[in-house]
Amino acid sequence: MPARDGLIRIAFIGFGEVGDLFARGLRATGRVSIAAYDIKLDDPAARDGMAARMLRAEVRRCASTADAVADAEIVISAVTASSAEAAAQAAAPHLASHSIFFDINSAAPSTKQRAAAAVTEGRGDYVEGAVMAPVSEAGLRVSILAGGSRAAELAEALNGLGMNLTPVAHEIGRASATKLCRSIVIKGLEALMIDCATAARHFGVQDDVFASLSASFPSIDFARLAELMAGRVAQHGVRRAAEMREAAEMLASAGLQPGLSLAIADAQERGAKR
């Protein structure tokens, strides 16, 4: 997979927290060259901040998706779940021959399948990724499930650079279904804890409530958990709301009720700091 100069050429579409952390970790190996494009570069109010982030990460700042992916062997799509399909469609016509488009967004299986169809209509190949833990804690070593015909090949390449991919299927959808089923619980717990803590504070009964919960589940410090979860939602609630709407799409496509996931999405959005 390395290019003529011995470096693996990687492009990031989306350069938020995940793209930044991954790029820094990959750059530290000395074995990659990295280009990046983020839609914030098109926003005069956000452009300077994003450009500074890319400069600190030592990646080549690109003016468009087409510029970023043109000669990349691996394209990592790290946008919001609601933009995952559009990002794949934008990149597809410009992908280098036999490149791999690695979609790590928390999107529904059906969304990933449509994104895969867009990519494979061009010259690239599609691999879905499902990030199974907070990237802020594990960094480059975060567990990622991978699916697609070249998932094993991609895992070998990226694991050799310090990542932690586990190929789980040749078909697209299994990895994302695993992720989103888990997310119903994790994001749902966050929503429950925030509503519980908010109501308990309003009535001045938080100590009694948390003591009662801890008596039922002695291994959990509920006061600490409520604090941690509120912080996560404040920082990532908008992105997590988009993820839960993808979970709702997954459930609806299976003939199951999406109402709970949609309610969790609304709660995540309410808790986010704008």
C-alpha atoms as a PDB file:
ATOM      1  CA  MET A   1       0.000   0.000   0.000  1.00  0.00           C
ATOM      2  CA  PRO A   2       2.858   2.533   0.524  1.00  0.00           C
ATOM      3  CA  ALA A   3       3.403   5.026  -2.311  1.00  0.00           C
ATOM      4  CA  ARG A   4       6.609   5.694  -4.212  1.00  0.00           C
ATOM      5  CA  ASP A   5       8.169   7.622  -1.338  1.00  0.00           C
ATOM      6  CA  GLY A   6       7.379   4.816   1.090  1.00  0.00           C
ATOM      7  CA  LEU A   7       4.630   6.783   2.825  1.00  0.00           C
ATOM      8  CA  ILE A   8       1.008   5.690   3.020  1.00  0.00           C
ATOM      9  CA  ARG A   9      -1.152   8.528   1.713  1.00  0.00           C
ATOM     10  CA  ILE A  10      -4.167   9.145   3.929  1.00  0.00           C
ATOM     11  CA  ALA A  11      -6.904  11.752   3.595  1.00  0.00           C
ATOM     12  CA  PHE A  12      -9.426  12.838   6.214  1.00  0.00           C
ATOM     13  CA  ILE A  13     -12.847  14.132   5.282  1.00  0.00           C
ATOM     14  CA  GLY A  14     -13.967  15.868   8.457  1.00  0.00           C
ATOM     15  CA  PHE A  15     -11.378  17.048  10.947  1.00  0.00           C
ATOM     16  CA  GLY A  16     -13.125  17.330  14.272  1.00  0.00           C
ATOM     17  CA  GLU A  17     -11.978  15.610  17.454  1.00  0.00           C
ATOM     18  CA  VAL A  18     -11.764  12.155  15.875  1.00  0.00           C
ATOM     19  CA  GLY A  19      -9.929  13.242  12.746  1.00  0.00           C
ATOM     20  CA  ASP A  20      -7.514  15.354  14.772  1.00  0.00           C
ATOM     21  CA  LEU A  21      -6.675  12.591  17.267  1.00  0.00           C
ATOM     22  CA  PHE A  22      -6.270   9.959  14.582  1.00  0.00           C
ATOM     23  CA  ALA A  23      -4.164  12.203  12.366  1.00  0.00           C
ATOM     24  CA  ARG A  24      -1.809  13.070  15.227  1.00  0.00           C
ATOM     25  CA  GLY A  25      -1.371   9.418  16.125  1.00  0.00           C
ATOM     26  CA  LEU A  26      -0.764   8.372  12.535  1.00  0.00           C
ATOM     27  CA  ARG A  27       1.632  11.250  11.880  1.00  0.00           C
ATOM     28  CA  ALA A  28       3.697  10.171  14.895  1.00  0.00           C
ATOM     29  CA  THR A  29       4.582   6.923  13.126  1.00  0.00           C
ATOM     30  CA  GLY A  30       6.526   8.805  10.456  1.00  0.00           C
ATOM     31  CA  ARG A  31       5.063   6.442   7.865  1.00  0.00           C
ATOM     32  CA  VAL A  32       2.186   8.476   6.460  1.00  0.00           C
ATOM     33  CA  SER A  33       1.425  11.684   4.642  1.00  0.00           C
ATOM     34  CA  ILE A  34      -1.931  13.223   5.514  1.00  0.00           C
ATOM     35  CA  ALA A  35      -4.275  15.603   3.728  1.00  0.00           C
ATOM     36  CA  ALA A  36      -7.519  16.892   5.215  1.00  0.00           C
ATOM     37  CA  TYR A  37     -10.651  18.781   4.304  1.00  0.00           C
ATOM     38  CA  ASP A  38     -13.416  19.946   6.624  1.00  0.00           C
ATOM     39  CA  ILE A  39     -16.543  21.849   5.685  1.00  0.00           C
ATOM     40  CA  LYS A  40     -15.674  24.450   8.335  1.00  0.00           C
ATOM     41  CA  LEU A  41     -12.959  25.678   5.988  1.00  0.00           C
ATOM     42  CA  ASP A  42     -15.809  27.076   3.864  1.00  0.00           C
ATOM     43  CA  ASP A  43     -17.242  29.045   6.807  1.00  0.00           C
ATOM     44  CA  PRO A  44     -15.543  32.433   7.348  1.00  0.00           C
ATOM     45  CA  ALA A  45     -16.421  32.315  11.051  1.00  0.00           C
ATOM     46  CA  ALA A  46     -14.856  28.885  11.590  1.00  0.00           C
ATOM     47  CA  ARG A  47     -12.125  28.813   8.923  1.00  0.00           C
ATOM     48  CA  ASP A  48      -9.242  30.198  10.974  1.00  0.00           C
ATOM     49  CA  GLY A  49      -9.839  27.833  13.874  1.00  0.00           C
ATOM     50  CA  MET A  50      -9.985  24.811  11.622  1.00  0.00           C
ATOM     51  CA  ALA A  51      -6.912  25.890   9.662  1.00  0.00           C
ATOM     52  CA  ALA A  52      -5.012  26.285  12.938  1.00  0.00           C
ATOM     53  CA  ARG A  53      -6.071  22.810  14.057  1.00  0.00           C
ATOM     54  CA  MET A  54      -4.789  21.291  10.825  1.00  0.00           C
ATOM     55  CA  LEU A  55      -1.541  23.214  11.096  1.00  0.00           C
ATOM     56  CA  ARG A  56      -0.955  21.936  14.640  1.00  0.00           C
ATOM     57  CA  ALA A  57      -1.626  18.375  13.471  1.00  0.00           C
ATOM     58  CA  GLU A  58       0.849  18.844  10.588  1.00  0.00           C
ATOM     59  CA  VAL A  59      -1.562  17.817   7.871  1.00  0.00           C
ATOM     60  CA  ARG A  60      -1.969  19.357   4.430  1.00  0.00           C
ATOM     61  CA  ARG A  61      -5.009  21.634   4.434  1.00  0.00           C
ATOM     62  CA  CYS A  62      -7.141  21.133   1.323  1.00  0.00           C
ATOM     63  CA  ALA A  63      -9.686  23.440  -0.260  1.00  0.00           C
ATOM     64  CA  SER A  64     -12.132  20.686  -1.197  1.00  0.00           C
ATOM     65  CA  THR A  65     -12.977  17.017  -0.852  1.00  0.00           C
ATOM     66  CA  ALA A  66     -11.695  16.456  -4.383  1.00  0.00           C
ATOM     67  CA  ASP A  67      -8.317  17.977  -3.522  1.00  0.00           C
ATOM     68  CA  ALA A  68      -7.967  15.912  -0.341  1.00  0.00           C
ATOM     69  CA  VAL A  69      -8.774  12.499  -1.812  1.00  0.00           C
ATOM     70  CA  ALA A  70      -7.162  12.831  -5.238  1.00  0.00           C
ATOM     71  CA  ASP A  71      -4.055  10.735  -4.557  1.00  0.00           C
ATOM     72  CA  ALA A  72      -4.991   9.124  -1.223  1.00  0.00           C
ATOM     73  CA  GLU A  73      -4.754   5.388  -0.789  1.00  0.00           C
ATOM     74  CA  ILE A  74      -6.967   5.501   2.305  1.00  0.00           C
ATOM     75  CA  VAL A  75      -9.709   8.081   2.832  1.00  0.00           C
ATOM     76  CA  ILE A  76     -11.109   8.258   6.363  1.00  0.00           C
ATOM     77  CA  SER A  77     -14.551   9.826   6.563  1.00  0.00           C
ATOM     78  CA  ALA A  78     -15.047  11.309  10.034  1.00  0.00           C
ATOM     79  CA  VAL A  79     -17.989  13.681   9.663  1.00  0.00           C
ATOM     80  CA  THR A  80     -21.284  13.746  11.563  1.00  0.00           C
ATOM     81  CA  ALA A  81     -23.648  10.825  11.072  1.00  0.00           C
ATOM     82  CA  SER A  82     -26.113  13.026   9.208  1.00  0.00           C
ATOM     83  CA  SER A  83     -23.411  13.927   6.653  1.00  0.00           C
ATOM     84  CA  ALA A  84     -21.952  10.446   6.141  1.00  0.00           C
ATOM     85  CA  GLU A  85     -23.764   9.634   2.909  1.00  0.00           C
ATOM     86  CA  ALA A  86     -23.170  13.089   1.423  1.00  0.00           C
ATOM     87  CA  ALA A  87     -19.454  12.839   2.250  1.00  0.00           C
ATOM     88  CA  ALA A  88     -19.197   9.531   0.398  1.00  0.00           C
ATOM     89  CA  GLN A  89     -21.069  10.932  -2.595  1.00  0.00           C
ATOM     90  CA  ALA A  90     -18.809  13.985  -2.708  1.00  0.00           C
ATOM     91  CA  ALA A  91     -15.640  11.897  -2.567  1.00  0.00           C
ATOM     92  CA  ALA A  92     -16.667   9.083  -4.916  1.00  0.00           C
ATOM     93  CA  PRO A  93     -15.948  10.757  -8.294  1.00  0.00           C
ATOM     94  CA  HIS A  94     -12.497  11.875  -7.175  1.00  0.00           C
ATOM     95  CA  LEU A  95     -11.118   8.765  -5.494  1.00  0.00           C
ATOM     96  CA  ALA A  96      -7.872   7.302  -6.781  1.00  0.00           C
ATOM     97  CA  SER A  97      -8.055   3.899  -8.428  1.00  0.00           C
ATOM     98  CA  HIS A  98      -8.247   1.049  -5.886  1.00  0.00           C
ATOM     99  CA  SER A  99      -8.270   3.440  -2.931  1.00  0.00           C
ATOM    100  CA  ILE A 100     -10.245   2.544   0.186  1.00  0.00           C
ATOM    101  CA  PHE A 101     -12.934   4.845   1.545  1.00  0.00           C
ATOM    102  CA  PHE A 102     -13.115   4.082   5.275  1.00  0.00           C
ATOM    103  CA  ASP A 103     -16.404   5.360   6.689  1.00  0.00           C
ATOM    104  CA  ILE A 104     -16.124   5.522  10.488  1.00  0.00           C
ATOM    105  CA  ASN A 105     -19.285   7.579  11.003  1.00  0.00           C
ATOM    106  CA  SER A 106     -21.985   6.308  13.363  1.00  0.00           C
ATOM    107  CA  ALA A 107     -24.617   5.785  10.693  1.00  0.00           C
ATOM    108  CA  ALA A 108     -27.370   3.231  10.090  1.00  0.00           C
ATOM    109  CA  PRO A 109     -26.641   0.091   8.062  1.00  0.00           C
ATOM    110  CA  SER A 110     -28.876   1.415   5.279  1.00  0.00           C
ATOM    111  CA  THR A 111     -26.975   4.720   5.231  1.00  0.00           C
ATOM    112  CA  LYS A 112     -23.665   2.863   5.018  1.00  0.00           C
ATOM    113  CA  GLN A 113     -25.004   0.676   2.223  1.00  0.00           C
ATOM    114  CA  ARG A 114     -26.036   3.714   0.194  1.00  0.00           C
ATOM    115  CA  ALA A 115     -22.652   5.318   0.844  1.00  0.00           C
ATOM    116  CA  ALA A 116     -20.937   2.116  -0.276  1.00  0.00           C
ATOM    117  CA  ALA A 117     -22.964   2.083  -3.492  1.00  0.00           C
ATOM    118  CA  ALA A 118     -21.859   5.645  -4.253  1.00  0.00           C
ATOM    119  CA  VAL A 119     -18.188   4.829  -3.662  1.00  0.00           C
ATOM    120  CA  THR A 120     -18.135   1.624  -5.656  1.00  0.00           C
ATOM    121  CA  GLU A 121     -19.745   3.343  -8.624  1.00  0.00           C
ATOM    122  CA  GLY A 122     -16.434   5.169  -8.904  1.00  0.00           C
ATOM    123  CA  ARG A 123     -12.931   3.760  -8.687  1.00  0.00           C
ATOM    124  CA  GLY A 124     -12.720   3.221  -4.940  1.00  0.00           C
ATOM    125  CA  ASP A 125     -13.683   0.465  -2.528  1.00  0.00           C
ATOM    126  CA  TYR A 126     -15.750   0.965   0.608  1.00  0.00           C
ATOM    127  CA  VAL A 127     -15.084  -0.293   4.131  1.00  0.00           C
ATOM    128  CA  GLU A 128     -17.424   0.575   6.978  1.00  0.00           C
ATOM    129  CA  GLY A 129     -16.060   1.241  10.441  1.00  0.00           C
ATOM    130  CA  ALA A 130     -17.861   1.241  13.772  1.00  0.00           C
ATOM    131  CA  VAL A 131     -16.021   3.017  16.588  1.00  0.00           C
ATOM    132  CA  MET A 132     -16.907   1.107  19.736  1.00  0.00           C
ATOM    133  CA  ALA A 133     -15.655   3.395  22.531  1.00  0.00           C
ATOM    134  CA  PRO A 134     -14.925   7.089  23.159  1.00  0.00           C
ATOM    135  CA  VAL A 135     -11.998   8.175  20.989  1.00  0.00           C
ATOM    136  CA  SER A 136     -11.051  10.857  23.510  1.00  0.00           C
ATOM    137  CA  GLU A 137     -10.052   8.118  25.970  1.00  0.00           C
ATOM    138  CA  ALA A 138      -8.447   5.468  23.754  1.00  0.00           C
ATOM    139  CA  GLY A 139      -7.117   7.657  20.942  1.00  0.00           C
ATOM    140  CA  LEU A 140      -5.672   5.780  17.986  1.00  0.00           C
ATOM    141  CA  ARG A 141      -6.099   2.451  19.787  1.00  0.00           C
ATOM    142  CA  VAL A 142      -9.871   2.724  20.078  1.00  0.00           C
ATOM    143  CA  SER A 143     -11.663  -0.467  19.047  1.00  0.00           C
ATOM    144  CA  ILE A 144     -13.137  -0.245  15.531  1.00  0.00           C
ATOM    145  CA  LEU A 145     -15.174  -2.974  13.860  1.00  0.00           C
ATOM    146  CA  ALA A 146     -14.686  -3.100  10.087  1.00  0.00           C
ATOM    147  CA  GLY A 147     -16.838  -4.534   7.319  1.00  0.00           C
ATOM    148  CA  GLY A 148     -16.412  -4.865   3.577  1.00  0.00           C
ATOM    149  CA  SER A 149     -14.548  -6.889   0.983  1.00  0.00           C
ATOM    150  CA  ARG A 150     -11.252  -5.163   1.841  1.00  0.00           C
ATOM    151  CA  ALA A 151     -11.778  -4.893   5.596  1.00  0.00           C
ATOM    152  CA  ALA A 152      -9.053  -7.417   6.417  1.00  0.00           C
ATOM    153  CA  GLU A 153      -6.576  -5.704   4.081  1.00  0.00           C
ATOM    154  CA  LEU A 154      -7.330  -2.310   5.608  1.00  0.00           C
ATOM    155  CA  ALA A 155      -7.031  -3.695   9.134  1.00  0.00           C
ATOM    156  CA  GLU A 156      -3.590  -5.062   8.349  1.00  0.00           C
ATOM    157  CA  ALA A 157      -2.444  -1.700   6.996  1.00  0.00           C
ATOM    158  CA  LEU A 158      -3.884   0.505   9.745  1.00  0.00           C
ATOM    159  CA  ASN A 159      -3.149  -1.848  12.640  1.00  0.00           C
ATOM    160  CA  GLY A 160       0.458  -1.732  11.489  1.00  0.00           C
ATOM    161  CA  LEU A 161       0.255   2.020  12.155  1.00  0.00           C
ATOM    162  CA  GLY A 162      -1.095   1.588  15.673  1.00  0.00           C
ATOM    163  CA  MET A 163      -4.839   1.427  15.069  1.00  0.00           C
ATOM    164  CA  ASN A 164      -7.141  -1.309  16.364  1.00  0.00           C
ATOM    165  CA  LEU A 165      -9.441  -2.607  13.608  1.00  0.00           C
ATOM    166  CA  THR A 166     -11.237  -5.931  13.811  1.00  0.00           C
ATOM    167  CA  PRO A 167     -12.732  -7.222  10.523  1.00  0.00           C
ATOM    168  CA  VAL A 168     -16.171  -8.671  11.273  1.00  0.00           C
ATOM    169  CA  ALA A 169     -17.880  -9.160   7.905  1.00  0.00           C
ATOM    170  CA  HIS A 170     -17.534  -8.949   4.151  1.00  0.00           C
ATOM    171  CA  GLU A 171     -20.971  -7.342   3.856  1.00  0.00           C
ATOM    172  CA  ILE A 172     -21.765  -3.747   4.754  1.00  0.00           C
ATOM    173  CA  GLY A 173     -24.089  -3.218   7.725  1.00  0.00           C
ATOM    174  CA  ARG A 174     -23.055  -5.695  10.419  1.00  0.00           C
ATOM    175  CA  ALA A 175     -20.460  -3.410  12.023  1.00  0.00           C
ATOM    176  CA  SER A 176     -22.764  -0.383  12.042  1.00  0.00           C
ATOM    177  CA  ALA A 177     -25.674  -2.426  13.438  1.00  0.00           C
ATOM    178  CA  THR A 178     -23.442  -3.607  16.286  1.00  0.00           C
ATOM    179  CA  LYS A 179     -22.428  -0.040  17.049  1.00  0.00           C
ATOM    180  CA  LEU A 180     -25.924   1.456  16.948  1.00  0.00           C
ATOM    181  CA  CYS A 181     -27.530  -1.291  19.019  1.00  0.00           C
ATOM    182  CA  ARG A 182     -24.908  -0.551  21.666  1.00  0.00           C
ATOM    183  CA  SER A 183     -25.544   3.175  21.295  1.00  0.00           C
ATOM    184  CA  ILE A 184     -29.222   2.777  22.167  1.00  0.00           C
ATOM    185  CA  VAL A 185     -28.084   1.689  25.630  1.00  0.00           C
ATOM    186  CA  ILE A 186     -25.130   4.057  26.101  1.00  0.00           C
ATOM    187  CA  LYS A 187     -26.800   7.214  24.786  1.00  0.00           C
ATOM    188  CA  GLY A 188     -30.056   6.197  26.434  1.00  0.00           C
ATOM    189  CA  LEU A 189     -28.344   5.880  29.808  1.00  0.00           C
ATOM    190  CA  GLU A 190     -26.871   9.345  29.337  1.00  0.00           C
ATOM    191  CA  ALA A 191     -30.304  10.794  28.615  1.00  0.00           C
ATOM    192  CA  LEU A 192     -31.823   9.026  31.634  1.00  0.00           C
ATOM    193  CA  MET A 193     -29.065  10.149  33.992  1.00  0.00           C
ATOM    194  CA  ILE A 194     -29.275  13.776  32.887  1.00  0.00           C
ATOM    195  CA  ASP A 195     -33.055  13.924  33.321  1.00  0.00           C
ATOM    196  CA  CYS A 196     -32.811  12.120  36.665  1.00  0.00           C
ATOM    197  CA  ALA A 197     -30.072  14.421  37.983  1.00  0.00           C
ATOM    198  CA  THR A 198     -31.789  17.566  36.730  1.00  0.00           C
ATOM    199  CA  ALA A 199     -35.105  16.650  38.349  1.00  0.00           C
ATOM    200  CA  ALA A 200     -33.416  15.528  41.584  1.00  0.00           C
ATOM    201  CA  ARG A 201     -31.558  18.834  41.873  1.00  0.00           C
ATOM    202  CA  HIS A 202     -34.770  20.768  41.247  1.00  0.00           C
ATOM    203  CA  PHE A 203     -36.474  19.029  44.178  1.00  0.00           C
ATOM    204  CA  GLY A 204     -33.358  18.953  46.359  1.00  0.00           C
ATOM    205  CA  VAL A 205     -33.334  15.152  46.623  1.00  0.00           C
ATOM    206  CA  GLN A 206     -30.217  14.260  44.643  1.00  0.00           C
ATOM    207  CA  ASP A 207     -28.334  12.757  47.604  1.00  0.00           C
ATOM    208  CA  ASP A 208     -31.242  10.468  48.470  1.00  0.00           C
ATOM    209  CA  VAL A 209     -31.800   9.495  44.836  1.00  0.00           C
ATOM    210  CA  PHE A 210     -28.166   8.636  44.172  1.00  0.00           C
ATOM    211  CA  ALA A 211     -27.909   6.731  47.477  1.00  0.00           C
ATOM    212  CA  SER A 212     -30.962   4.681  46.559  1.00  0.00           C
ATOM    213  CA  LEU A 213     -29.598   3.921  43.086  1.00  0.00           C
ATOM    214  CA  SER A 214     -26.215   2.933  44.530  1.00  0.00           C
ATOM    215  CA  ALA A 215     -27.932   0.599  46.975  1.00  0.00           C
ATOM    216  CA  SER A 216     -29.560  -1.165  44.033  1.00  0.00           C
ATOM    217  CA  PHE A 217     -26.358  -1.186  41.944  1.00  0.00           C
ATOM    218  CA  PRO A 218     -23.462  -1.046  44.458  1.00  0.00           C
ATOM    219  CA  SER A 219     -20.724  -1.103  41.821  1.00  0.00           C
ATOM    220  CA  ILE A 220     -21.823   2.250  40.320  1.00  0.00           C
ATOM    221  CA  ASP A 221     -21.153   5.713  41.709  1.00  0.00           C
ATOM    222  CA  PHE A 222     -24.283   7.354  40.320  1.00  0.00           C
ATOM    223  CA  ALA A 223     -23.412  10.880  41.405  1.00  0.00           C
ATOM    224  CA  ARG A 224     -20.100  10.639  39.550  1.00  0.00           C
ATOM    225  CA  LEU A 225     -21.743   8.922  36.583  1.00  0.00           C
ATOM    226  CA  ALA A 226     -24.314  11.708  36.249  1.00  0.00           C
ATOM    227  CA  GLU A 227     -21.537  14.298  36.264  1.00  0.00           C
ATOM    228  CA  LEU A 228     -19.485  12.443  33.636  1.00  0.00           C
ATOM    229  CA  MET A 229     -22.437  11.834  31.360  1.00  0.00           C
ATOM    230  CA  ALA A 230     -23.624  15.426  31.544  1.00  0.00           C
ATOM    231  CA  GLY A 231     -20.160  16.559  30.444  1.00  0.00           C
ATOM    232  CA  ARG A 232     -20.098  14.157  27.525  1.00  0.00           C
ATOM    233  CA  VAL A 233     -23.514  15.236  26.322  1.00  0.00           C
ATOM    234  CA  ALA A 234     -22.668  18.923  26.707  1.00  0.00           C
ATOM    235  CA  GLN A 235     -19.640  18.430  24.455  1.00  0.00           C
ATOM    236  CA  HIS A 236     -20.947  15.879  21.975  1.00  0.00           C
ATOM    237  CA  GLY A 237     -24.734  16.035  22.222  1.00  0.00           C
ATOM    238  CA  VAL A 238     -25.366  17.356  18.707  1.00  0.00           C
ATOM    239  CA  ARG A 239     -23.248  14.626  17.133  1.00  0.00           C
ATOM    240  CA  ARG A 240     -24.784  11.977  19.372  1.00  0.00           C
ATOM    241  CA  ALA A 241     -28.275  13.166  18.501  1.00  0.00           C
ATOM    242  CA  ALA A 242     -27.484  12.602  14.829  1.00  0.00           C
ATOM    243  CA  GLU A 243     -26.200   9.136  15.707  1.00  0.00           C
ATOM    244  CA  MET A 244     -29.402   8.256  17.533  1.00  0.00           C
ATOM    245  CA  ARG A 245     -31.503   9.384  14.587  1.00  0.00           C
ATOM    246  CA  GLU A 246     -29.483   6.902  12.532  1.00  0.00           C
ATOM    247  CA  ALA A 247     -30.319   4.283  15.174  1.00  0.00           C
ATOM    248  CA  ALA A 248     -33.983   5.190  14.716  1.00  0.00           C
ATOM    249  CA  GLU A 249     -33.630   4.689  10.956  1.00  0.00           C
ATOM    250  CA  MET A 250     -32.047   1.295  11.592  1.00  0.00           C
ATOM    251  CA  LEU A 251     -34.949   0.247  13.816  1.00  0.00           C
ATOM    252  CA  ALA A 252     -37.606   1.550  11.431  1.00  0.00           C
ATOM    253  CA  SER A 253     -36.008  -0.276   8.492  1.00  0.00           C
ATOM    254  CA  ALA A 254     -36.288  -3.500  10.511  1.00  0.00           C
ATOM    255  CA  GLY A 255     -39.970  -2.885  11.242  1.00  0.00           C
ATOM    256  CA  LEU A 256     -39.220  -1.994  14.876  1.00  0.00           C
ATOM    257  CA  GLN A 257     -40.358   1.025  16.855  1.00  0.00           C
ATOM    258  CA  PRO A 258     -37.938   3.986  16.576  1.00  0.00           C
ATOM    259  CA  GLY A 259     -39.666   6.209  19.127  1.00  0.00           C
ATOM    260  CA  LEU A 260     -37.276   5.614  22.018  1.00  0.00           C
ATOM    261  CA  SER A 261     -34.205   6.320  19.886  1.00  0.00           C
ATOM    262  CA  LEU A 262     -35.790   9.518  18.587  1.00  0.00           C
ATOM    263  CA  ALA A 263     -36.554  10.618  22.145  1.00  0.00           C
ATOM    264  CA  ILE A 264     -32.935   9.913  23.126  1.00  0.00           C
ATOM    265  CA  ALA A 265     -31.816  12.011  20.149  1.00  0.00           C
ATOM    266  CA  ASP A 266     -33.959  14.921  21.348  1.00  0.00           C
ATOM    267  CA  ALA A 267     -32.581  14.592  24.885  1.00  0.00           C
ATOM    268  CA  GLN A 268     -28.985  14.532  23.635  1.00  0.00           C
ATOM    269  CA  GLU A 269     -29.625  17.657  21.586  1.00  0.00           C
ATOM    270  CA  ARG A 270     -31.210  19.467  24.543  1.00  0.00           C
ATOM    271  CA  GLY A 271     -28.188  18.725  26.698  1.00  0.00           C
ATOM    272  CA  ALA A 272     -25.618  19.971  24.191  1.00  0.00           C
ATOM    273  CA  LYS A 273     -23.805  23.246  24.667  1.00  0.00           C
ATOM    274  CA  ARG A 274     -24.177  25.325  21.508  1.00  0.00           C
END
